[in-house]
Amino acid sequence: MMPKNWSAVKSNDSWAIFKIMGEFVHGYEKMSRIGPCVSIFGSARIKPDHPYYKLAEDIAKKITENGFGVITGGGPGIMEAGNKGAHLAGGTSVGLNISLPFEQFENPYIDSDKSIDFDYFFV
């Protein structure tokens, strides 16, 4: 069954494609200038005193010492540890952020010119 205001839904949804395309273009343009990186994925809920936090930090240091940058989701936990390790080793530290209510905030170890914000998680 179609909603009563189907024409309004279709109209708004069809224009969203341009915003999505704009996010993709913006992301590709910024990331094309960064250079080779390795992505580190992990929980946002891991605290700095957890052994996995230290492990992620150490791995990120080794990655940057071998000529690669580190890309994370830009938030706390394992993502922060990855950015921190890259930062401490003097390497490239990239954060791809998305606004999530009460959840996501940018960690302090992302290079100031390499924090990229998105509205859509899939971008």
N, C-alpha and C. Protein backbone atom coordinates (compact mmCIF):
# COMPACT_ATOMS: atom_id res chain seq x y z
N MET A 1 0.84 -1.18 0.00
CA MET A 1 0.00 0.00 0.00
C MET A 1 0.89 1.25 0.00
N MET A 2 0.59 2.20 -0.87
CA MET A 2 1.40 3.41 -0.98
C MET A 2 0.92 4.45 0.02
N PRO A 3 1.87 5.23 0.58
CA PRO A 3 1.45 6.30 1.50
C PRO A 3 0.62 7.35 0.77
N LYS A 4 -0.21 8.07 1.54
CA LYS A 4 -1.09 9.08 0.97
C LYS A 4 -0.30 10.20 0.30
N ASN A 5 0.83 10.59 0.87
CA ASN A 5 1.62 11.68 0.31
C ASN A 5 2.79 11.15 -0.52
N TRP A 6 2.56 10.12 -1.29
CA TRP A 6 3.60 9.46 -2.07
C TRP A 6 4.36 10.41 -2.99
N SER A 7 3.66 11.35 -3.62
CA SER A 7 4.34 12.26 -4.55
C SER A 7 5.36 13.13 -3.81
N ALA A 8 5.08 13.54 -2.57
CA ALA A 8 6.03 14.33 -1.79
C ALA A 8 7.24 13.49 -1.41
N VAL A 9 7.01 12.23 -1.05
CA VAL A 9 8.11 11.34 -0.68
C VAL A 9 9.02 11.12 -1.89
N LYS A 10 8.44 10.81 -3.04
CA LYS A 10 9.23 10.59 -4.25
C LYS A 10 10.04 11.83 -4.61
N SER A 11 9.44 12.99 -4.51
CA SER A 11 10.12 14.22 -4.88
C SER A 11 11.33 14.48 -3.98
N ASN A 12 11.15 14.36 -2.68
CA ASN A 12 12.26 14.59 -1.75
C ASN A 12 13.34 13.54 -1.90
N ASP A 13 12.96 12.29 -2.06
CA ASP A 13 13.95 11.22 -2.19
C ASP A 13 14.76 11.36 -3.46
N SER A 14 14.15 11.79 -4.54
CA SER A 14 14.90 11.89 -5.80
C SER A 14 15.96 12.98 -5.74
N TRP A 15 15.75 14.03 -4.98
CA TRP A 15 16.75 15.09 -4.86
C TRP A 15 17.90 14.68 -3.94
N ALA A 16 17.68 13.71 -3.08
CA ALA A 16 18.74 13.25 -2.17
C ALA A 16 19.93 12.69 -2.94
N ILE A 17 19.71 12.16 -4.13
CA ILE A 17 20.80 11.59 -4.92
C ILE A 17 21.89 12.62 -5.19
N PHE A 18 21.52 13.89 -5.35
CA PHE A 18 22.51 14.93 -5.61
C PHE A 18 23.37 15.19 -4.37
N LYS A 19 22.77 15.15 -3.21
CA LYS A 19 23.54 15.31 -1.97
C LYS A 19 24.50 14.13 -1.79
N ILE A 20 24.03 12.94 -2.07
CA ILE A 20 24.87 11.75 -1.96
C ILE A 20 26.03 11.83 -2.95
N MET A 21 25.74 12.21 -4.18
CA MET A 21 26.81 12.36 -5.18
C MET A 21 27.82 13.40 -4.73
N GLY A 22 27.33 14.51 -4.17
CA GLY A 22 28.22 15.56 -3.69
C GLY A 22 29.16 15.05 -2.60
N GLU A 23 28.64 14.22 -1.70
CA GLU A 23 29.48 13.65 -0.65
C GLU A 23 30.55 12.73 -1.24
N PHE A 24 30.16 11.92 -2.21
CA PHE A 24 31.14 11.05 -2.86
C PHE A 24 32.24 11.87 -3.54
N VAL A 25 31.86 12.90 -4.28
CA VAL A 25 32.84 13.73 -4.98
C VAL A 25 33.76 14.42 -3.99
N HIS A 26 33.20 15.01 -2.96
CA HIS A 26 33.99 15.68 -1.93
C HIS A 26 34.99 14.69 -1.29
N GLY A 27 34.51 13.51 -0.94
CA GLY A 27 35.38 12.50 -0.33
C GLY A 27 36.49 12.06 -1.25
N TYR A 28 36.16 11.78 -2.51
CA TYR A 28 37.19 11.37 -3.48
C TYR A 28 38.23 12.46 -3.68
N GLU A 29 37.79 13.70 -3.78
CA GLU A 29 38.74 14.80 -3.99
C GLU A 29 39.69 14.94 -2.80
N LYS A 30 39.16 14.92 -1.58
CA LYS A 30 40.03 15.05 -0.41
C LYS A 30 40.96 13.85 -0.26
N MET A 31 40.44 12.66 -0.46
CA MET A 31 41.25 11.46 -0.25
C MET A 31 42.28 11.26 -1.36
N SER A 32 42.05 11.79 -2.53
CA SER A 32 43.01 11.62 -3.62
C SER A 32 44.32 12.35 -3.34
N ARG A 33 44.30 13.30 -2.43
CA ARG A 33 45.51 14.06 -2.08
C ARG A 33 46.24 13.50 -0.86
N ILE A 34 45.75 12.45 -0.27
CA ILE A 34 46.30 11.96 0.99
C ILE A 34 47.45 10.98 0.78
N GLY A 35 47.37 10.10 -0.18
CA GLY A 35 48.41 9.11 -0.38
C GLY A 35 48.00 7.75 0.17
N PRO A 36 48.90 6.78 0.07
CA PRO A 36 48.54 5.41 0.47
C PRO A 36 48.32 5.29 1.98
N CYS A 37 47.22 4.64 2.33
CA CYS A 37 46.87 4.45 3.74
C CYS A 37 46.32 3.05 3.98
N VAL A 38 46.32 2.67 5.23
CA VAL A 38 45.73 1.41 5.68
C VAL A 38 44.59 1.76 6.63
N SER A 39 43.43 1.11 6.43
CA SER A 39 42.28 1.36 7.30
C SER A 39 42.36 0.49 8.56
N ILE A 40 42.03 1.10 9.67
CA ILE A 40 41.93 0.37 10.94
C ILE A 40 40.48 0.47 11.40
N PHE A 41 39.85 -0.69 11.58
CA PHE A 41 38.47 -0.78 12.04
C PHE A 41 38.46 -1.33 13.45
N GLY A 42 37.52 -0.89 14.26
CA GLY A 42 37.39 -1.45 15.59
C GLY A 42 36.34 -0.72 16.41
N SER A 43 36.10 -1.23 17.58
CA SER A 43 35.05 -0.71 18.44
C SER A 43 35.33 0.70 18.95
N ALA A 44 34.29 1.49 19.01
CA ALA A 44 34.37 2.83 19.58
C ALA A 44 34.33 2.77 21.10
N ARG A 45 34.03 1.63 21.66
CA ARG A 45 33.82 1.53 23.11
C ARG A 45 35.04 1.01 23.88
N ILE A 46 36.11 0.69 23.18
CA ILE A 46 37.34 0.25 23.84
C ILE A 46 38.00 1.45 24.52
N LYS A 47 38.33 1.31 25.78
CA LYS A 47 38.94 2.40 26.55
C LYS A 47 40.47 2.38 26.40
N PRO A 48 41.12 3.53 26.63
CA PRO A 48 42.58 3.61 26.48
C PRO A 48 43.38 2.65 27.36
N ASP A 49 42.80 2.16 28.44
CA ASP A 49 43.52 1.22 29.30
C ASP A 49 43.36 -0.24 28.88
N HIS A 50 42.61 -0.49 27.80
CA HIS A 50 42.39 -1.85 27.31
C HIS A 50 43.60 -2.31 26.48
N PRO A 51 43.99 -3.58 26.60
CA PRO A 51 45.13 -4.07 25.82
C PRO A 51 44.96 -3.92 24.30
N TYR A 52 43.74 -4.01 23.79
CA TYR A 52 43.52 -3.86 22.35
C TYR A 52 43.76 -2.43 21.88
N TYR A 53 43.51 -1.46 22.76
CA TYR A 53 43.79 -0.05 22.42
C TYR A 53 45.29 0.10 22.18
N LYS A 54 46.09 -0.40 23.11
CA LYS A 54 47.54 -0.31 22.98
C LYS A 54 48.02 -1.08 21.76
N LEU A 55 47.44 -2.23 21.49
CA LEU A 55 47.81 -3.03 20.32
C LEU A 55 47.52 -2.26 19.03
N ALA A 56 46.35 -1.65 18.95
CA ALA A 56 45.99 -0.87 17.75
C ALA A 56 46.93 0.32 17.59
N GLU A 57 47.28 0.96 18.68
CA GLU A 57 48.21 2.09 18.64
C GLU A 57 49.58 1.63 18.12
N ASP A 58 50.07 0.51 18.62
CA ASP A 58 51.37 -0.02 18.18
C ASP A 58 51.35 -0.43 16.71
N ILE A 59 50.26 -1.06 16.28
CA ILE A 59 50.14 -1.45 14.87
C ILE A 59 50.15 -0.21 13.98
N ALA A 60 49.42 0.82 14.38
CA ALA A 60 49.37 2.06 13.59
C ALA A 60 50.75 2.71 13.50
N LYS A 61 51.51 2.67 14.57
CA LYS A 61 52.88 3.20 14.53
C LYS A 61 53.70 2.45 13.49
N LYS A 62 53.62 1.12 13.51
CA LYS A 62 54.38 0.31 12.56
C LYS A 62 53.94 0.57 11.11
N ILE A 63 52.65 0.74 10.92
CA ILE A 63 52.13 1.04 9.58
C ILE A 63 52.75 2.34 9.06
N THR A 64 52.77 3.38 9.89
CA THR A 64 53.31 4.66 9.43
C THR A 64 54.82 4.61 9.28
N GLU A 65 55.49 3.84 10.12
CA GLU A 65 56.94 3.69 9.99
C GLU A 65 57.31 2.99 8.68
N ASN A 66 56.36 2.28 8.09
CA ASN A 66 56.58 1.59 6.82
C ASN A 66 56.04 2.38 5.63
N GLY A 67 55.75 3.66 5.83
CA GLY A 67 55.41 4.54 4.73
C GLY A 67 53.94 4.69 4.38
N PHE A 68 53.06 4.18 5.20
CA PHE A 68 51.63 4.30 4.95
C PHE A 68 51.00 5.21 5.98
N GLY A 69 49.88 5.82 5.62
CA GLY A 69 49.08 6.55 6.57
C GLY A 69 48.04 5.63 7.17
N VAL A 70 47.27 6.15 8.13
CA VAL A 70 46.22 5.38 8.78
C VAL A 70 44.90 6.12 8.59
N ILE A 71 43.87 5.36 8.20
CA ILE A 71 42.51 5.90 8.08
C ILE A 71 41.61 5.14 9.05
N THR A 72 40.83 5.91 9.83
CA THR A 72 39.85 5.29 10.73
C THR A 72 38.51 6.00 10.56
N GLY A 73 37.55 5.55 11.33
CA GLY A 73 36.26 6.22 11.37
C GLY A 73 36.30 7.52 12.16
N GLY A 74 37.46 7.85 12.73
CA GLY A 74 37.65 9.14 13.36
C GLY A 74 37.12 9.29 14.78
N GLY A 75 36.50 8.25 15.31
CA GLY A 75 35.91 8.35 16.63
C GLY A 75 36.82 7.84 17.73
N PRO A 76 36.22 7.51 18.87
CA PRO A 76 36.99 7.03 20.02
C PRO A 76 37.35 5.55 19.89
N GLY A 77 37.91 4.98 20.94
CA GLY A 77 38.20 3.55 20.99
C GLY A 77 39.35 3.15 20.08
N ILE A 78 39.16 2.05 19.37
CA ILE A 78 40.19 1.53 18.47
C ILE A 78 40.53 2.54 17.38
N MET A 79 39.51 3.29 16.93
CA MET A 79 39.77 4.32 15.92
C MET A 79 40.73 5.37 16.47
N GLU A 80 40.49 5.82 17.69
CA GLU A 80 41.38 6.79 18.31
C GLU A 80 42.78 6.22 18.47
N ALA A 81 42.88 4.97 18.88
CA ALA A 81 44.19 4.33 19.05
C ALA A 81 44.95 4.30 17.72
N GLY A 82 44.26 4.00 16.63
CA GLY A 82 44.90 3.99 15.32
C GLY A 82 45.41 5.36 14.92
N ASN A 83 44.56 6.37 15.10
CA ASN A 83 44.98 7.73 14.79
C ASN A 83 46.10 8.20 15.72
N LYS A 84 46.04 7.80 16.96
CA LYS A 84 47.07 8.19 17.92
C LYS A 84 48.42 7.59 17.54
N GLY A 85 48.43 6.30 17.21
CA GLY A 85 49.69 5.66 16.81
C GLY A 85 50.31 6.32 15.60
N ALA A 86 49.50 6.63 14.60
CA ALA A 86 49.99 7.31 13.40
C ALA A 86 50.52 8.69 13.76
N HIS A 87 49.78 9.41 14.58
CA HIS A 87 50.18 10.76 15.00
C HIS A 87 51.51 10.74 15.75
N LEU A 88 51.63 9.84 16.72
CA LEU A 88 52.85 9.76 17.52
C LEU A 88 54.07 9.37 16.69
N ALA A 89 53.85 8.59 15.63
CA ALA A 89 54.96 8.17 14.77
C ALA A 89 55.24 9.20 13.68
N GLY A 90 54.48 10.30 13.65
CA GLY A 90 54.71 11.34 12.65
C GLY A 90 54.14 11.01 11.29
N GLY A 91 53.21 10.06 11.24
CA GLY A 91 52.61 9.66 9.96
C GLY A 91 51.30 10.36 9.69
N THR A 92 50.72 10.05 8.56
CA THR A 92 49.43 10.60 8.16
C THR A 92 48.32 9.94 8.97
N SER A 93 47.43 10.76 9.52
CA SER A 93 46.34 10.27 10.37
C SER A 93 45.03 10.86 9.86
N VAL A 94 44.18 10.01 9.27
CA VAL A 94 42.95 10.44 8.62
C VAL A 94 41.74 9.93 9.40
N GLY A 95 40.72 10.76 9.53
CA GLY A 95 39.48 10.36 10.17
C GLY A 95 38.30 10.64 9.27
N LEU A 96 37.50 9.63 9.01
CA LEU A 96 36.28 9.78 8.22
C LEU A 96 35.11 9.76 9.20
N ASN A 97 34.53 10.90 9.44
CA ASN A 97 33.52 11.05 10.48
C ASN A 97 32.11 11.11 9.92
N ILE A 98 31.19 10.65 10.74
CA ILE A 98 29.77 10.80 10.46
C ILE A 98 29.10 11.24 11.75
N SER A 99 28.09 12.07 11.64
CA SER A 99 27.37 12.52 12.82
C SER A 99 26.39 11.45 13.26
N LEU A 100 26.60 10.97 14.48
CA LEU A 100 25.69 10.02 15.10
C LEU A 100 25.26 10.62 16.44
N PRO A 101 23.97 10.71 16.70
CA PRO A 101 23.53 11.33 17.95
C PRO A 101 24.09 10.59 19.17
N PHE A 102 24.70 11.31 20.07
CA PHE A 102 25.22 10.79 21.34
C PHE A 102 26.34 9.78 21.17
N GLU A 103 26.93 9.68 20.02
CA GLU A 103 27.90 8.62 19.80
C GLU A 103 29.21 9.12 19.23
N GLN A 104 29.20 9.66 18.07
CA GLN A 104 30.43 9.95 17.35
C GLN A 104 30.96 11.34 17.67
N PHE A 105 32.24 11.39 17.96
CA PHE A 105 32.94 12.66 18.05
C PHE A 105 34.34 12.43 17.52
N GLU A 106 34.91 13.46 16.98
CA GLU A 106 36.24 13.37 16.36
C GLU A 106 37.31 13.23 17.45
N ASN A 107 38.21 12.26 17.28
CA ASN A 107 39.28 12.12 18.26
C ASN A 107 40.39 13.15 17.98
N PRO A 108 41.20 13.47 18.99
CA PRO A 108 42.17 14.56 18.86
C PRO A 108 43.44 14.22 18.07
N TYR A 109 43.56 13.01 17.56
CA TYR A 109 44.79 12.59 16.89
C TYR A 109 44.71 12.62 15.36
N ILE A 110 43.63 13.13 14.83
CA ILE A 110 43.46 13.25 13.38
C ILE A 110 44.17 14.51 12.90
N ASP A 111 44.90 14.41 11.80
CA ASP A 111 45.53 15.60 11.21
C ASP A 111 44.44 16.61 10.90
N SER A 112 44.68 17.87 11.25
CA SER A 112 43.64 18.89 11.11
C SER A 112 43.10 19.02 9.69
N ASP A 113 43.93 18.77 8.70
CA ASP A 113 43.47 18.88 7.31
C ASP A 113 42.99 17.54 6.74
N LYS A 114 42.90 16.52 7.58
CA LYS A 114 42.51 15.19 7.09
C LYS A 114 41.33 14.61 7.86
N SER A 115 40.50 15.47 8.40
CA SER A 115 39.25 15.05 9.01
C SER A 115 38.15 15.33 7.99
N ILE A 116 37.49 14.29 7.54
CA ILE A 116 36.48 14.43 6.50
C ILE A 116 35.13 14.02 7.09
N ASP A 117 34.16 14.91 7.03
CA ASP A 117 32.84 14.67 7.60
C ASP A 117 31.84 14.27 6.52
N PHE A 118 30.99 13.31 6.86
CA PHE A 118 29.96 12.82 5.95
C PHE A 118 28.62 12.80 6.68
N ASP A 119 27.55 12.92 5.91
CA ASP A 119 26.20 12.78 6.46
C ASP A 119 25.70 11.35 6.32
N TYR A 120 26.18 10.64 5.30
CA TYR A 120 25.73 9.29 5.01
C TYR A 120 26.81 8.28 5.38
N PHE A 121 26.47 7.32 6.22
CA PHE A 121 27.43 6.33 6.68
C PHE A 121 28.05 5.55 5.53
N PHE A 122 27.26 5.19 4.53
CA PHE A 122 27.76 4.37 3.43
C PHE A 122 28.76 5.09 2.54
N VAL A 123 28.77 6.43 2.56
CA VAL A 123 29.73 7.18 1.74
C VAL A 123 31.11 7.02 2.35
